Amino acid sequence: MKARKTKESEKCAAEEPGRLAKDQARREVNLDREQAIEKDLTERKTKQSEKQATEEIEQSARNQARRKAYLDKEQAMVESQEARKCNARKTNTRVS
């Protein structure tokens, strides 16, 4: 019985370095995988931030162009009204 336990113990002892090496290799693979995932997440966040910043700049430019177009339209309407008033005054002056 003791001989059997001794042989099993020796077998386990002989397998231990191989098991430890496999465990170490597995840990390294897991660590590499985790680091790759973290790097990917960081890159995604960076790209997303850059995209959001670009979109905000583009939206601001569109808003600014829209405001300028509105102000230009308002200015054109004011100038048109002034021109009509001037023409009306000229017409009224001639009639008098």
PDB file of N, CA and C in Angstrom:
ATOM      1  N   MET A   1       0.815  -1.183   0.000  1.00  0.00           N
ATOM      2  CA  MET A   1       0.000   0.000   0.000  1.00  0.00           C
ATOM      3  C   MET A   1       0.866   1.258   0.000  1.00  0.00           C
ATOM      4  N   LYS A   2       1.928   1.217   0.891  1.00  0.00           N
ATOM      5  CA  LYS A   2       2.822   2.374   0.950  1.00  0.00           C
ATOM      6  C   LYS A   2       3.598   2.529  -0.351  1.00  0.00           C
ATOM      7  N   ALA A   3       3.930   1.434  -0.973  1.00  0.00           N
ATOM      8  CA  ALA A   3       4.651   1.480  -2.241  1.00  0.00           C
ATOM      9  C   ALA A   3       3.801   2.141  -3.308  1.00  0.00           C
ATOM     10  N   ARG A   4       2.523   1.855  -3.268  1.00  0.00           N
ATOM     11  CA  ARG A   4       1.600   2.450  -4.239  1.00  0.00           C
ATOM     12  C   ARG A   4       1.516   3.965  -4.032  1.00  0.00           C
ATOM     13  N   LYS A   5       1.387   4.372  -2.772  1.00  0.00           N
ATOM     14  CA  LYS A   5       1.312   5.798  -2.466  1.00  0.00           C
ATOM     15  C   LYS A   5       2.618   6.488  -2.833  1.00  0.00           C
ATOM     16  N   THR A   6       3.706   5.820  -2.607  1.00  0.00           N
ATOM     17  CA  THR A   6       5.008   6.381  -2.947  1.00  0.00           C
ATOM     18  C   THR A   6       5.130   6.565  -4.451  1.00  0.00           C
ATOM     19  N   LYS A   7       4.706   5.548  -5.203  1.00  0.00           N
ATOM     20  CA  LYS A   7       4.763   5.669  -6.667  1.00  0.00           C
ATOM     21  C   LYS A   7       3.858   6.796  -7.150  1.00  0.00           C
ATOM     22  N   GLU A   8       2.665   6.915  -6.551  1.00  0.00           N
ATOM     23  CA  GLU A   8       1.740   7.998  -6.935  1.00  0.00           C
ATOM     24  C   GLU A   8       2.338   9.355  -6.583  1.00  0.00           C
ATOM     25  N   SER A   9       2.962   9.410  -5.424  1.00  0.00           N
ATOM     26  CA  SER A   9       3.606  10.654  -5.004  1.00  0.00           C
ATOM     27  C   SER A   9       4.740  11.018  -5.954  1.00  0.00           C
ATOM     28  N   GLU A  10       5.517  10.032  -6.329  1.00  0.00           N
ATOM     29  CA  GLU A  10       6.625  10.275  -7.252  1.00  0.00           C
ATOM     30  C   GLU A  10       6.087  10.713  -8.622  1.00  0.00           C
ATOM     31  N   LYS A  11       5.001  10.061  -9.032  1.00  0.00           N
ATOM     32  CA  LYS A  11       4.400  10.424 -10.319  1.00  0.00           C
ATOM     33  C   LYS A  11       3.897  11.862 -10.287  1.00  0.00           C
ATOM     34  N   CYS A  12       3.215  12.200  -9.201  1.00  0.00           N
ATOM     35  CA  CYS A  12       2.712  13.579  -9.056  1.00  0.00           C
ATOM     36  C   CYS A  12       3.871  14.566  -9.014  1.00  0.00           C
ATOM     37  N   ALA A  13       4.925  14.214  -8.293  1.00  0.00           N
ATOM     38  CA  ALA A  13       6.092  15.089  -8.198  1.00  0.00           C
ATOM     39  C   ALA A  13       6.741  15.265  -9.567  1.00  0.00           C
ATOM     40  N   ALA A  14       6.751  14.192 -10.353  1.00  0.00           N
ATOM     41  CA  ALA A  14       7.350  14.277 -11.685  1.00  0.00           C
ATOM     42  C   ALA A  14       6.489  15.119 -12.620  1.00  0.00           C
ATOM     43  N   GLU A  15       5.185  15.078 -12.424  1.00  0.00           N
ATOM     44  CA  GLU A  15       4.269  15.839 -13.287  1.00  0.00           C
ATOM     45  C   GLU A  15       4.163  17.294 -12.858  1.00  0.00           C
ATOM     46  N   GLU A  16       4.538  17.591 -11.627  1.00  0.00           N
ATOM     47  CA  GLU A  16       4.375  18.945 -11.081  1.00  0.00           C
ATOM     48  C   GLU A  16       5.061  20.029 -11.926  1.00  0.00           C
ATOM     49  N   PRO A  17       6.314  19.876 -12.337  1.00  0.00           N
ATOM     50  CA  PRO A  17       6.933  20.930 -13.159  1.00  0.00           C
ATOM     51  C   PRO A  17       6.175  21.166 -14.473  1.00  0.00           C
ATOM     52  N   GLY A  18       5.702  20.096 -15.080  1.00  0.00           N
ATOM     53  CA  GLY A  18       4.925  20.251 -16.314  1.00  0.00           C
ATOM     54  C   GLY A  18       3.626  20.991 -16.068  1.00  0.00           C
ATOM     55  N   ARG A  19       2.974  20.663 -14.953  1.00  0.00           N
ATOM     56  CA  ARG A  19       1.726  21.328 -14.593  1.00  0.00           C
ATOM     57  C   ARG A  19       1.969  22.807 -14.301  1.00  0.00           C
ATOM     58  N   LEU A  20       3.041  23.065 -13.572  1.00  0.00           N
ATOM     59  CA  LEU A  20       3.386  24.455 -13.259  1.00  0.00           C
ATOM     60  C   LEU A  20       3.693  25.243 -14.530  1.00  0.00           C
ATOM     61  N   ALA A  21       4.409  24.620 -15.449  1.00  0.00           N
ATOM     62  CA  ALA A  21       4.739  25.289 -16.712  1.00  0.00           C
ATOM     63  C   ALA A  21       3.462  25.588 -17.506  1.00  0.00           C
ATOM     64  N   LYS A  22       2.541  24.626 -17.542  1.00  0.00           N
ATOM     65  CA  LYS A  22       1.270  24.839 -18.254  1.00  0.00           C
ATOM     66  C   LYS A  22       0.464  25.956 -17.606  1.00  0.00           C
ATOM     67  N   ASP A  23       0.431  25.948 -16.259  1.00  0.00           N
ATOM     68  CA  ASP A  23      -0.292  27.007 -15.542  1.00  0.00           C
ATOM     69  C   ASP A  23       0.316  28.374 -15.837  1.00  0.00           C
ATOM     70  N   GLN A  24       1.635  28.428 -15.816  1.00  0.00           N
ATOM     71  CA  GLN A  24       2.317  29.695 -16.114  1.00  0.00           C
ATOM     72  C   GLN A  24       2.014  30.148 -17.527  1.00  0.00           C
ATOM     73  N   ALA A  25       2.067  29.220 -18.476  1.00  0.00           N
ATOM     74  CA  ALA A  25       1.774  29.563 -19.872  1.00  0.00           C
ATOM     75  C   ALA A  25       0.336  30.049 -20.001  1.00  0.00           C
ATOM     76  N   ARG A  26      -0.603  29.391 -19.317  1.00  0.00           N
ATOM     77  CA  ARG A  26      -2.012  29.784 -19.353  1.00  0.00           C
ATOM     78  C   ARG A  26      -2.189  31.195 -18.776  1.00  0.00           C
ATOM     79  N   ARG A  27      -1.496  31.466 -17.654  1.00  0.00           N
ATOM     80  CA  ARG A  27      -1.578  32.805 -17.050  1.00  0.00           C
ATOM     81  C   ARG A  27      -1.040  33.866 -17.996  1.00  0.00           C
ATOM     82  N   GLU A  28       0.056  33.565 -18.661  1.00  0.00           N
ATOM     83  CA  GLU A  28       0.639  34.522 -19.603  1.00  0.00           C
ATOM     84  C   GLU A  28      -0.300  34.787 -20.772  1.00  0.00           C
ATOM     85  N   VAL A  29      -0.924  33.737 -21.281  1.00  0.00           N
ATOM     86  CA  VAL A  29      -1.877  33.894 -22.383  1.00  0.00           C
ATOM     87  C   VAL A  29      -3.056  34.752 -21.928  1.00  0.00           C
ATOM     88  N   ASN A  30      -3.560  34.467 -20.719  1.00  0.00           N
ATOM     89  CA  ASN A  30      -4.685  35.257 -20.181  1.00  0.00           C
ATOM     90  C   ASN A  30      -4.292  36.716 -19.998  1.00  0.00           C
ATOM     91  N   LEU A  31      -3.093  36.941 -19.485  1.00  0.00           N
ATOM     92  CA  LEU A  31      -2.619  38.303 -19.288  1.00  0.00           C
ATOM     93  C   LEU A  31      -2.501  39.026 -20.629  1.00  0.00           C
ATOM     94  N   ASP A  32      -1.924  38.349 -21.618  1.00  0.00           N
ATOM     95  CA  ASP A  32      -1.806  38.942 -22.952  1.00  0.00           C
ATOM     96  C   ASP A  32      -3.180  39.281 -23.517  1.00  0.00           C
ATOM     97  N   ARG A  33      -4.130  38.367 -23.333  1.00  0.00           N
ATOM     98  CA  ARG A  33      -5.489  38.593 -23.835  1.00  0.00           C
ATOM     99  C   ARG A  33      -6.123  39.805 -23.146  1.00  0.00           C
ATOM    100  N   GLU A  34      -5.979  39.887 -21.823  1.00  0.00           N
ATOM    101  CA  GLU A  34      -6.530  41.011 -21.071  1.00  0.00           C
ATOM    102  C   GLU A  34      -5.897  42.330 -21.499  1.00  0.00           C
ATOM    103  N   GLN A  35      -4.592  42.309 -21.707  1.00  0.00           N
ATOM    104  CA  GLN A  35      -3.911  43.527 -22.150  1.00  0.00           C
ATOM    105  C   GLN A  35      -4.378  43.941 -23.543  1.00  0.00           C
ATOM    106  N   ALA A  36      -4.595  42.970 -24.419  1.00  0.00           N
ATOM    107  CA  ALA A  36      -5.086  43.276 -25.766  1.00  0.00           C
ATOM    108  C   ALA A  36      -6.487  43.867 -25.699  1.00  0.00           C
ATOM    109  N   ILE A  37      -7.315  43.330 -24.821  1.00  0.00           N
ATOM    110  CA  ILE A  37      -8.680  43.850 -24.655  1.00  0.00           C
ATOM    111  C   ILE A  37      -8.629  45.282 -24.130  1.00  0.00           C
ATOM    112  N   GLU A  38      -7.795  45.523 -23.124  1.00  0.00           N
ATOM    113  CA  GLU A  38      -7.668  46.869 -22.571  1.00  0.00           C
ATOM    114  C   GLU A  38      -7.160  47.857 -23.619  1.00  0.00           C
ATOM    115  N   LYS A  39      -6.182  47.425 -24.415  1.00  0.00           N
ATOM    116  CA  LYS A  39      -5.649  48.292 -25.463  1.00  0.00           C
ATOM    117  C   LYS A  39      -6.739  48.608 -26.482  1.00  0.00           C
ATOM    118  N   ASP A  40      -7.508  47.593 -26.862  1.00  0.00           N
ATOM    119  CA  ASP A  40      -8.600  47.781 -27.819  1.00  0.00           C
ATOM    120  C   ASP A  40      -9.637  48.754 -27.269  1.00  0.00           C
ATOM    121  N   LEU A  41      -9.996  48.597 -25.999  1.00  0.00           N
ATOM    122  CA  LEU A  41     -10.967  49.505 -25.388  1.00  0.00           C
ATOM    123  C   LEU A  41     -10.444  50.938 -25.365  1.00  0.00           C
ATOM    124  N   THR A  42      -9.177  51.089 -25.032  1.00  0.00           N
ATOM    125  CA  THR A  42      -8.574  52.421 -25.008  1.00  0.00           C
ATOM    126  C   THR A  42      -8.604  53.048 -26.398  1.00  0.00           C
ATOM    127  N   GLU A  43      -8.259  52.263 -27.409  1.00  0.00           N
ATOM    128  CA  GLU A  43      -8.285  52.779 -28.787  1.00  0.00           C
ATOM    129  C   GLU A  43      -9.703  53.150 -29.206  1.00  0.00           C
ATOM    130  N   ARG A  44     -10.663  52.327 -28.828  1.00  0.00           N
ATOM    131  CA  ARG A  44     -12.059  52.632 -29.157  1.00  0.00           C
ATOM    132  C   ARG A  44     -12.509  53.930 -28.513  1.00  0.00           C
ATOM    133  N   LYS A  45     -12.163  54.093 -27.217  1.00  0.00           N
ATOM    134  CA  LYS A  45     -12.540  55.316 -26.514  1.00  0.00           C
ATOM    135  C   LYS A  45     -11.901  56.531 -27.159  1.00  0.00           C
ATOM    136  N   THR A  46     -10.640  56.390 -27.550  1.00  0.00           N
ATOM    137  CA  THR A  46      -9.941  57.495 -28.201  1.00  0.00           C
ATOM    138  C   THR A  46     -10.617  57.850 -29.524  1.00  0.00           C
ATOM    139  N   LYS A  47     -10.904  56.842 -30.340  1.00  0.00           N
ATOM    140  CA  LYS A  47     -11.560  57.083 -31.626  1.00  0.00           C
ATOM    141  C   LYS A  47     -12.938  57.701 -31.424  1.00  0.00           C
ATOM    142  N   GLN A  48     -13.676  57.203 -30.417  1.00  0.00           N
ATOM    143  CA  GLN A  48     -15.000  57.726 -30.149  1.00  0.00           C
ATOM    144  C   GLN A  48     -14.922  59.190 -29.709  1.00  0.00           C
ATOM    145  N   SER A  49     -13.946  59.511 -28.880  1.00  0.00           N
ATOM    146  CA  SER A  49     -13.762  60.903 -28.438  1.00  0.00           C
ATOM    147  C   SER A  49     -13.416  61.802 -29.620  1.00  0.00           C
ATOM    148  N   GLU A  50     -12.527  61.320 -30.486  1.00  0.00           N
ATOM    149  CA  GLU A  50     -12.151  62.101 -31.662  1.00  0.00           C
ATOM    150  C   GLU A  50     -13.354  62.307 -32.578  1.00  0.00           C
ATOM    151  N   LYS A  51     -14.140  61.259 -32.768  1.00  0.00           N
ATOM    152  CA  LYS A  51     -15.328  61.353 -33.623  1.00  0.00           C
ATOM    153  C   LYS A  51     -16.322  62.346 -33.034  1.00  0.00           C
ATOM    154  N   GLN A  52     -16.530  62.278 -31.712  1.00  0.00           N
ATOM    155  CA  GLN A  52     -17.460  63.190 -31.068  1.00  0.00           C
ATOM    156  C   GLN A  52     -16.977  64.631 -31.196  1.00  0.00           C
ATOM    157  N   ALA A  53     -15.696  64.857 -31.003  1.00  0.00           N
ATOM    158  CA  ALA A  53     -15.148  66.208 -31.132  1.00  0.00           C
ATOM    159  C   ALA A  53     -15.333  66.729 -32.557  1.00  0.00           C
ATOM    160  N   THR A  54     -15.087  65.869 -33.536  1.00  0.00           N
ATOM    161  CA  THR A  54     -15.266  66.257 -34.938  1.00  0.00           C
ATOM    162  C   THR A  54     -16.726  66.599 -35.216  1.00  0.00           C
ATOM    163  N   GLU A  55     -17.635  65.776 -34.709  1.00  0.00           N
ATOM    164  CA  GLU A  55     -19.060  66.024 -34.920  1.00  0.00           C
ATOM    165  C   GLU A  55     -19.496  67.332 -34.270  1.00  0.00           C
ATOM    166  N   GLU A  56     -18.966  67.621 -33.076  1.00  0.00           N
ATOM    167  CA  GLU A  56     -19.301  68.868 -32.401  1.00  0.00           C
ATOM    168  C   GLU A  56     -18.801  70.075 -33.193  1.00  0.00           C
ATOM    169  N   ILE A  57     -17.601  69.968 -33.742  1.00  0.00           N
ATOM    170  CA  ILE A  57     -17.058  71.058 -34.552  1.00  0.00           C
ATOM    171  C   ILE A  57     -17.902  71.250 -35.803  1.00  0.00           C
ATOM    172  N   GLU A  58     -18.263  70.146 -36.457  1.00  0.00           N
ATOM    173  CA  GLU A  58     -19.086  70.238 -37.663  1.00  0.00           C
ATOM    174  C   GLU A  58     -20.456  70.823 -37.345  1.00  0.00           C
ATOM    175  N   GLN A  59     -21.060  70.415 -36.224  1.00  0.00           N
ATOM    176  CA  GLN A  59     -22.373  70.945 -35.836  1.00  0.00           C
ATOM    177  C   GLN A  59     -22.275  72.437 -35.541  1.00  0.00           C
ATOM    178  N   SER A  60     -21.216  72.830 -34.878  1.00  0.00           N
ATOM    179  CA  SER A  60     -21.015  74.247 -34.593  1.00  0.00           C
ATOM    180  C   SER A  60     -20.881  75.045 -35.889  1.00  0.00           C
ATOM    181  N   ALA A  61     -20.142  74.506 -36.844  1.00  0.00           N
ATOM    182  CA  ALA A  61     -19.982  75.183 -38.145  1.00  0.00           C
ATOM    183  C   ALA A  61     -21.326  75.283 -38.862  1.00  0.00           C
ATOM    184  N   ARG A  62     -22.123  74.204 -38.817  1.00  0.00           N
ATOM    185  CA  ARG A  62     -23.459  74.250 -39.453  1.00  0.00           C
ATOM    186  C   ARG A  62     -24.349  75.287 -38.782  1.00  0.00           C
ATOM    187  N   ASN A  63     -24.309  75.320 -37.451  1.00  0.00           N
ATOM    188  CA  ASN A  63     -25.112  76.315 -36.728  1.00  0.00           C
ATOM    189  C   ASN A  63     -24.681  77.731 -37.069  1.00  0.00           C
ATOM    190  N   GLN A  64     -23.383  77.927 -37.151  1.00  0.00           N
ATOM    191  CA  GLN A  64     -22.863  79.259 -37.481  1.00  0.00           C
ATOM    192  C   GLN A  64     -23.280  79.650 -38.898  1.00  0.00           C
ATOM    193  N   ALA A  65     -23.201  78.729 -39.838  1.00  0.00           N
ATOM    194  CA  ALA A  65     -23.621  79.008 -41.214  1.00  0.00           C
ATOM    195  C   ALA A  65     -25.110  79.302 -41.266  1.00  0.00           C
ATOM    196  N   ARG A  66     -25.896  78.562 -40.493  1.00  0.00           N
ATOM    197  CA  ARG A  66     -27.341  78.787 -40.445  1.00  0.00           C
ATOM    198  C   ARG A  66     -27.652  80.174 -39.890  1.00  0.00           C
ATOM    199  N   ARG A  67     -26.966  80.562 -38.812  1.00  0.00           N
ATOM    200  CA  ARG A  67     -27.179  81.903 -38.226  1.00  0.00           C
ATOM    201  C   ARG A  67     -26.789  82.997 -39.217  1.00  0.00           C
ATOM    202  N   LYS A  68     -25.666  82.797 -39.906  1.00  0.00           N
ATOM    203  CA  LYS A  68     -25.225  83.801 -40.880  1.00  0.00           C
ATOM    204  C   LYS A  68     -26.240  83.923 -42.004  1.00  0.00           C
ATOM    205  N   ALA A  69     -26.751  82.804 -42.489  1.00  0.00           N
ATOM    206  CA  ALA A  69     -27.753  82.837 -43.553  1.00  0.00           C
ATOM    207  C   ALA A  69     -29.008  83.563 -43.083  1.00  0.00           C
ATOM    208  N   TYR A  70     -29.406  83.305 -41.835  1.00  0.00           N
ATOM    209  CA  TYR A  70     -30.587  83.974 -41.286  1.00  0.00           C
ATOM    210  C   TYR A  70     -30.356  85.475 -41.192  1.00  0.00           C
ATOM    211  N   LEU A  71     -29.182  85.871 -40.685  1.00  0.00           N
ATOM    212  CA  LEU A  71     -28.876  87.301 -40.567  1.00  0.00           C
ATOM    213  C   LEU A  71     -28.784  87.970 -41.941  1.00  0.00           C
ATOM    214  N   ASP A  72     -28.198  87.265 -42.902  1.00  0.00           N
ATOM    215  CA  ASP A  72     -28.135  87.803 -44.268  1.00  0.00           C
ATOM    216  C   ASP A  72     -29.531  88.000 -44.841  1.00  0.00           C
ATOM    217  N   LYS A  73     -30.402  87.043 -44.592  1.00  0.00           N
ATOM    218  CA  LYS A  73     -31.786  87.140 -45.076  1.00  0.00           C
ATOM    219  C   LYS A  73     -32.498  88.317 -44.410  1.00  0.00           C
ATOM    220  N   GLU A  74     -32.318  88.459 -43.110  1.00  0.00           N
ATOM    221  CA  GLU A  74     -32.918  89.589 -42.390  1.00  0.00           C
ATOM    222  C   GLU A  74     -32.389  90.914 -42.941  1.00  0.00           C
ATOM    223  N   GLN A  75     -31.092  90.990 -43.179  1.00  0.00           N
ATOM    224  CA  GLN A  75     -30.485  92.211 -43.716  1.00  0.00           C
ATOM    225  C   GLN A  75     -31.056  92.518 -45.094  1.00  0.00           C
ATOM    226  N   ALA A  76     -31.211  91.502 -45.918  1.00  0.00           N
ATOM    227  CA  ALA A  76     -31.776  91.696 -47.252  1.00  0.00           C
ATOM    228  C   ALA A  76     -33.208  92.200 -47.152  1.00  0.00           C
ATOM    229  N   MET A  77     -33.975  91.683 -46.207  1.00  0.00           N
ATOM    230  CA  MET A  77     -35.363  92.144 -46.039  1.00  0.00           C
ATOM    231  C   MET A  77     -35.401  93.591 -45.594  1.00  0.00           C
ATOM    232  N   VAL A  78     -34.518  93.972 -44.685  1.00  0.00           N
ATOM    233  CA  VAL A  78     -34.463  95.359 -44.213  1.00  0.00           C
ATOM    234  C   VAL A  78     -34.100  96.283 -45.371  1.00  0.00           C
ATOM    235  N   GLU A  79     -33.087  95.885 -46.145  1.00  0.00           N
ATOM    236  CA  GLU A  79     -32.672  96.701 -47.290  1.00  0.00           C
ATOM    237  C   GLU A  79     -33.792  96.810 -48.320  1.00  0.00           C
ATOM    238  N   SER A  80     -34.528  95.752 -48.518  1.00  0.00           N
ATOM    239  CA  SER A  80     -35.644  95.757 -49.462  1.00  0.00           C
ATOM    240  C   SER A  80     -36.735  96.703 -48.978  1.00  0.00           C
ATOM    241  N   GLN A  81     -37.025  96.667 -47.695  1.00  0.00           N
ATOM    242  CA  GLN A  81     -38.035  97.574 -47.140  1.00  0.00           C
ATOM    243  C   GLN A  81     -37.599  99.026 -47.280  1.00  0.00           C
ATOM    244  N   GLU A  82     -36.324  99.286 -47.003  1.00  0.00           N
ATOM    245  CA  GLU A  82     -35.801 100.650 -47.141  1.00  0.00           C
ATOM    246  C   GLU A  82     -35.903 101.119 -48.587  1.00  0.00           C
ATOM    247  N   ALA A  83     -35.584 100.226 -49.510  1.00  0.00           N
ATOM    248  CA  ALA A  83     -35.659 100.591 -50.929  1.00  0.00           C
ATOM    249  C   ALA A  83     -37.098 100.900 -51.320  1.00  0.00           C
ATOM    250  N   ARG A  84     -38.037 100.122 -50.832  1.00  0.00           N
ATOM    251  CA  ARG A  84     -39.451 100.393 -51.148  1.00  0.00           C
ATOM    252  C   ARG A  84     -39.902 101.712 -50.554  1.00  0.00           C
ATOM    253  N   LYS A  85     -39.458 102.021 -49.346  1.00  0.00           N
ATOM    254  CA  LYS A  85     -39.821 103.298 -48.720  1.00  0.00           C
ATOM    255  C   LYS A  85     -39.273 104.459 -49.537  1.00  0.00           C
ATOM    256  N   CYS A  86     -38.017 104.309 -49.972  1.00  0.00           N
ATOM    257  CA  CYS A  86     -37.406 105.369 -50.781  1.00  0.00           C
ATOM    258  C   CYS A  86     -38.181 105.542 -52.087  1.00  0.00           C
ATOM    259  N   ASN A  87     -38.538 104.426 -52.713  1.00  0.00           N
ATOM    260  CA  ASN A  87     -39.307 104.509 -53.963  1.00  0.00           C
ATOM    261  C   ASN A  87     -40.679 105.108 -53.721  1.00  0.00           C
ATOM    262  N   ALA A  88     -41.269 104.787 -52.610  1.00  0.00           N
ATOM    263  CA  ALA A  88     -42.600 105.343 -52.286  1.00  0.00           C
ATOM    264  C   ALA A  88     -42.480 106.824 -52.063  1.00  0.00           C
ATOM    265  N   ARG A  89     -41.451 107.290 -51.380  1.00  0.00           N
ATOM    266  CA  ARG A  89     -41.252 108.718 -51.140  1.00  0.00           C
ATOM    267  C   ARG A  89     -41.025 109.446 -52.454  1.00  0.00           C
ATOM    268  N   LYS A  90     -40.220 108.845 -53.324  1.00  0.00           N
ATOM    269  CA  LYS A  90     -39.957 109.471 -54.630  1.00  0.00           C
ATOM    270  C   LYS A  90     -41.253 109.587 -55.418  1.00  0.00           C
ATOM    271  N   THR A  91     -42.047 108.541 -55.387  1.00  0.00           N
ATOM    272  CA  THR A  91     -43.308 108.536 -56.114  1.00  0.00           C
ATOM    273  C   THR A  91     -44.248 109.581 -55.544  1.00  0.00           C
ATOM    274  N   ASN A  92     -44.320 109.670 -54.207  1.00  0.00           N
ATOM    275  CA  ASN A  92     -45.192 110.661 -53.571  1.00  0.00           C
ATOM    276  C   ASN A  92     -44.692 112.075 -53.837  1.00  0.00           C
ATOM    277  N   THR A  93     -43.431 112.282 -53.886  1.00  0.00           N
ATOM    278  CA  THR A  93     -42.866 113.606 -54.136  1.00  0.00           C
ATOM    279  C   THR A  93     -43.177 114.026 -55.559  1.00  0.00           C
ATOM    280  N   ARG A  94     -43.114 113.179 -56.499  1.00  0.00           N
ATOM    281  CA  ARG A  94     -43.397 113.506 -57.895  1.00  0.00           C
ATOM    282  C   ARG A  94     -44.867 113.852 -58.101  1.00  0.00           C
ATOM    283  N   VAL A  95     -45.719 113.154 -57.389  1.00  0.00           N
ATOM    284  CA  VAL A  95     -47.152 113.386 -57.551  1.00  0.00           C
ATOM    285  C   VAL A  95     -47.514 114.745 -57.002  1.00  0.00           C
ATOM    286  N   SER A  96     -46.862 115.175 -55.944  1.00  0.00           N
ATOM    287  CA  SER A  96     -47.206 116.438 -55.299  1.00  0.00           C
ATOM    288  C   SER A  96     -46.862 117.588 -56.119  1.00  0.00           C
TER     289      SER A  96
END
